[in-house]
Amino acid sequence: MGIIWTIIIGFIAGVVAKFIMPGDNEPRGFILTTILGIVGAVIATYLGQALGWYAPGEGAGFIGAVVGAIIILFVWGLIARRR
């Protein structure tokens, strides 16, 4: 059930991150932004568990998921700019 909550929070975090970080370097399209938000939430969850911020099986909070999604969107922008 934890991964389902991570996906839901990641979906919302991806949308919020898209509004926080507007620009031409972002991925075009709602689905890609959502997927990157979910990836950001998953990374924030595992990084938080590795650092001891979250208990095993506990997902990242909303703020952590948004920060993870912003980081992923930033990295995506750097990669897309090089192409």
N, C-alpha and C. Protein backbone atom coordinates (compact mmCIF):
# COMPACT_ATOMS: atom_id res chain seq x y z
N MET A 1 0.82 -1.19 0.00
CA MET A 1 0.00 0.00 0.00
C MET A 1 0.87 1.26 0.00
N GLY A 2 2.09 1.17 0.52
CA GLY A 2 2.97 2.32 0.58
C GLY A 2 3.36 2.83 -0.79
N ILE A 3 3.57 1.91 -1.75
CA ILE A 3 3.95 2.34 -3.09
C ILE A 3 2.79 3.04 -3.79
N ILE A 4 1.57 2.64 -3.48
CA ILE A 4 0.40 3.30 -4.08
C ILE A 4 0.32 4.75 -3.60
N TRP A 5 0.55 4.97 -2.31
CA TRP A 5 0.54 6.33 -1.78
C TRP A 5 1.68 7.14 -2.37
N THR A 6 2.82 6.51 -2.58
CA THR A 6 3.95 7.19 -3.20
C THR A 6 3.60 7.64 -4.61
N ILE A 7 2.91 6.80 -5.35
CA ILE A 7 2.49 7.14 -6.71
C ILE A 7 1.49 8.28 -6.70
N ILE A 8 0.51 8.23 -5.79
CA ILE A 8 -0.49 9.29 -5.72
C ILE A 8 0.15 10.62 -5.33
N ILE A 9 1.00 10.59 -4.30
CA ILE A 9 1.69 11.80 -3.88
C ILE A 9 2.62 12.28 -4.99
N GLY A 10 3.28 11.36 -5.68
CA GLY A 10 4.16 11.73 -6.79
C GLY A 10 3.41 12.39 -7.93
N PHE A 11 2.21 11.91 -8.20
CA PHE A 11 1.36 12.52 -9.22
C PHE A 11 1.07 13.98 -8.87
N ILE A 12 0.64 14.20 -7.64
CA ILE A 12 0.32 15.56 -7.20
C ILE A 12 1.59 16.41 -7.14
N ALA A 13 2.68 15.81 -6.66
CA ALA A 13 3.95 16.54 -6.57
C ALA A 13 4.46 16.93 -7.96
N GLY A 14 4.27 16.09 -8.95
CA GLY A 14 4.68 16.41 -10.32
C GLY A 14 3.92 17.61 -10.87
N VAL A 15 2.64 17.67 -10.57
CA VAL A 15 1.83 18.79 -11.02
C VAL A 15 2.27 20.07 -10.31
N VAL A 16 2.48 19.99 -8.99
CA VAL A 16 2.92 21.16 -8.24
C VAL A 16 4.30 21.61 -8.70
N ALA A 17 5.22 20.66 -8.92
CA ALA A 17 6.56 21.00 -9.37
C ALA A 17 6.53 21.68 -10.74
N LYS A 18 5.62 21.27 -11.59
CA LYS A 18 5.48 21.88 -12.92
C LYS A 18 5.10 23.35 -12.78
N PHE A 19 4.23 23.67 -11.80
CA PHE A 19 3.83 25.05 -11.60
C PHE A 19 4.91 25.86 -10.90
N ILE A 20 5.68 25.23 -10.02
CA ILE A 20 6.74 25.93 -9.30
C ILE A 20 7.90 26.24 -10.23
N MET A 21 8.20 25.33 -11.14
CA MET A 21 9.37 25.44 -11.99
C MET A 21 8.99 25.57 -13.46
N PRO A 22 8.32 26.66 -13.84
CA PRO A 22 7.96 26.80 -15.25
C PRO A 22 9.19 27.17 -16.08
N GLY A 23 9.14 26.84 -17.33
CA GLY A 23 10.25 27.19 -18.21
C GLY A 23 10.24 26.34 -19.46
N ASP A 24 11.13 26.68 -20.37
CA ASP A 24 11.21 25.97 -21.64
C ASP A 24 11.96 24.65 -21.53
N ASN A 25 12.71 24.46 -20.44
CA ASN A 25 13.52 23.25 -20.30
C ASN A 25 12.74 22.09 -19.73
N GLU A 26 11.51 22.32 -19.35
CA GLU A 26 10.73 21.26 -18.75
C GLU A 26 10.15 20.35 -19.82
N PRO A 27 9.79 19.15 -19.40
CA PRO A 27 9.16 18.25 -20.36
C PRO A 27 7.81 18.77 -20.79
N ARG A 28 7.52 18.58 -22.02
CA ARG A 28 6.22 19.00 -22.54
C ARG A 28 5.25 17.85 -22.33
N GLY A 29 4.10 18.15 -21.80
CA GLY A 29 3.09 17.13 -21.65
C GLY A 29 2.82 16.77 -20.21
N PHE A 30 1.58 16.55 -19.95
CA PHE A 30 1.11 16.26 -18.60
C PHE A 30 1.57 14.88 -18.14
N ILE A 31 1.54 13.91 -19.02
CA ILE A 31 1.88 12.53 -18.63
C ILE A 31 3.35 12.42 -18.27
N LEU A 32 4.22 13.02 -19.06
CA LEU A 32 5.66 12.96 -18.77
C LEU A 32 5.99 13.69 -17.47
N THR A 33 5.35 14.83 -17.24
CA THR A 33 5.56 15.55 -15.99
C THR A 33 5.09 14.73 -14.80
N THR A 34 3.97 14.05 -14.96
CA THR A 34 3.45 13.19 -13.90
C THR A 34 4.39 12.03 -13.61
N ILE A 35 4.91 11.42 -14.64
CA ILE A 35 5.84 10.30 -14.46
C ILE A 35 7.11 10.77 -13.76
N LEU A 36 7.62 11.93 -14.16
CA LEU A 36 8.81 12.47 -13.50
C LEU A 36 8.51 12.83 -12.05
N GLY A 37 7.31 13.28 -11.76
CA GLY A 37 6.91 13.55 -10.37
C GLY A 37 6.86 12.29 -9.54
N ILE A 38 6.36 11.22 -10.11
CA ILE A 38 6.31 9.93 -9.42
C ILE A 38 7.73 9.43 -9.16
N VAL A 39 8.61 9.56 -10.16
CA VAL A 39 10.00 9.14 -9.98
C VAL A 39 10.66 9.98 -8.89
N GLY A 40 10.38 11.27 -8.87
CA GLY A 40 10.92 12.14 -7.82
C GLY A 40 10.43 11.74 -6.44
N ALA A 41 9.16 11.36 -6.32
CA ALA A 41 8.63 10.92 -5.04
C ALA A 41 9.25 9.61 -4.60
N VAL A 42 9.46 8.70 -5.53
CA VAL A 42 10.08 7.42 -5.20
C VAL A 42 11.53 7.64 -4.75
N ILE A 43 12.24 8.50 -5.47
CA ILE A 43 13.63 8.79 -5.08
C ILE A 43 13.67 9.46 -3.71
N ALA A 44 12.75 10.40 -3.47
CA ALA A 44 12.71 11.06 -2.16
C ALA A 44 12.39 10.07 -1.06
N THR A 45 11.54 9.10 -1.34
CA THR A 45 11.20 8.08 -0.35
C THR A 45 12.41 7.23 0.00
N TYR A 46 13.10 6.72 -1.01
CA TYR A 46 14.24 5.85 -0.74
C TYR A 46 15.43 6.62 -0.16
N LEU A 47 15.64 7.85 -0.62
CA LEU A 47 16.70 8.66 -0.06
C LEU A 47 16.40 9.01 1.40
N GLY A 48 15.15 9.34 1.69
CA GLY A 48 14.76 9.64 3.07
C GLY A 48 14.88 8.44 3.98
N GLN A 49 14.56 7.25 3.46
CA GLN A 49 14.72 6.03 4.26
C GLN A 49 16.20 5.73 4.49
N ALA A 50 17.02 5.97 3.49
CA ALA A 50 18.46 5.70 3.63
C ALA A 50 19.10 6.66 4.62
N LEU A 51 18.62 7.89 4.68
CA LEU A 51 19.17 8.87 5.60
C LEU A 51 18.54 8.80 6.99
N GLY A 52 17.51 7.97 7.14
CA GLY A 52 16.87 7.81 8.43
C GLY A 52 15.76 8.81 8.71
N TRP A 53 15.36 9.58 7.69
CA TRP A 53 14.28 10.54 7.87
C TRP A 53 12.93 9.85 7.95
N TYR A 54 12.78 8.74 7.23
CA TYR A 54 11.54 7.99 7.19
C TYR A 54 11.80 6.57 7.66
N ALA A 55 10.81 5.99 8.31
CA ALA A 55 10.91 4.61 8.75
C ALA A 55 10.77 3.69 7.53
N PRO A 56 11.28 2.46 7.62
CA PRO A 56 11.08 1.52 6.50
C PRO A 56 9.59 1.33 6.21
N GLY A 57 9.25 1.43 4.96
CA GLY A 57 7.86 1.29 4.55
C GLY A 57 7.09 2.60 4.57
N GLU A 58 7.68 3.64 5.12
CA GLU A 58 7.02 4.95 5.18
C GLU A 58 7.43 5.74 3.95
N GLY A 59 6.46 6.36 3.30
CA GLY A 59 6.74 7.13 2.10
C GLY A 59 7.15 8.54 2.42
N ALA A 60 7.68 9.20 1.41
CA ALA A 60 8.08 10.60 1.57
C ALA A 60 6.84 11.44 1.78
N GLY A 61 6.98 12.48 2.55
CA GLY A 61 5.89 13.42 2.73
C GLY A 61 5.70 14.24 1.47
N PHE A 62 4.69 15.05 1.48
CA PHE A 62 4.36 15.83 0.30
C PHE A 62 5.49 16.79 -0.05
N ILE A 63 6.07 17.45 0.94
CA ILE A 63 7.15 18.40 0.68
C ILE A 63 8.37 17.68 0.11
N GLY A 64 8.71 16.53 0.67
CA GLY A 64 9.83 15.75 0.15
C GLY A 64 9.59 15.29 -1.27
N ALA A 65 8.36 14.92 -1.57
CA ALA A 65 8.03 14.48 -2.93
C ALA A 65 8.11 15.64 -3.91
N VAL A 66 7.66 16.82 -3.50
CA VAL A 66 7.75 17.98 -4.38
C VAL A 66 9.21 18.35 -4.63
N VAL A 67 10.03 18.33 -3.58
CA VAL A 67 11.45 18.62 -3.75
C VAL A 67 12.10 17.59 -4.68
N GLY A 68 11.77 16.31 -4.49
CA GLY A 68 12.30 15.28 -5.38
C GLY A 68 11.86 15.48 -6.81
N ALA A 69 10.61 15.86 -7.01
CA ALA A 69 10.10 16.10 -8.36
C ALA A 69 10.78 17.31 -9.00
N ILE A 70 11.02 18.36 -8.21
CA ILE A 70 11.71 19.53 -8.75
C ILE A 70 13.12 19.17 -9.16
N ILE A 71 13.79 18.37 -8.35
CA ILE A 71 15.15 17.94 -8.69
C ILE A 71 15.15 17.13 -9.98
N ILE A 72 14.21 16.20 -10.11
CA ILE A 72 14.12 15.39 -11.33
C ILE A 72 13.80 16.27 -12.54
N LEU A 73 12.89 17.23 -12.39
CA LEU A 73 12.57 18.13 -13.50
C LEU A 73 13.78 18.98 -13.89
N PHE A 74 14.56 19.41 -12.90
CA PHE A 74 15.77 20.18 -13.17
C PHE A 74 16.78 19.34 -13.95
N VAL A 75 16.99 18.11 -13.50
CA VAL A 75 17.94 17.22 -14.19
C VAL A 75 17.43 16.92 -15.60
N TRP A 76 16.13 16.71 -15.74
CA TRP A 76 15.55 16.46 -17.06
C TRP A 76 15.80 17.65 -17.97
N GLY A 77 15.65 18.86 -17.44
CA GLY A 77 15.91 20.05 -18.23
C GLY A 77 17.35 20.14 -18.68
N LEU A 78 18.28 19.77 -17.81
CA LEU A 78 19.70 19.78 -18.20
C LEU A 78 19.99 18.76 -19.30
N ILE A 79 19.40 17.59 -19.18
CA ILE A 79 19.61 16.55 -20.20
C ILE A 79 18.96 16.94 -21.51
N ALA A 80 17.76 17.47 -21.46
CA ALA A 80 17.05 17.85 -22.68
C ALA A 80 17.72 19.02 -23.38
N ARG A 81 18.35 19.90 -22.63
CA ARG A 81 19.02 21.06 -23.22
C ARG A 81 20.23 20.64 -24.04
N ARG A 82 20.90 19.57 -23.63
CA ARG A 82 22.11 19.11 -24.32
C ARG A 82 21.80 18.47 -25.67
N ARG A 83 20.59 18.00 -25.85
CA ARG A 83 20.24 17.31 -27.10
C ARG A 83 19.96 18.26 -28.21
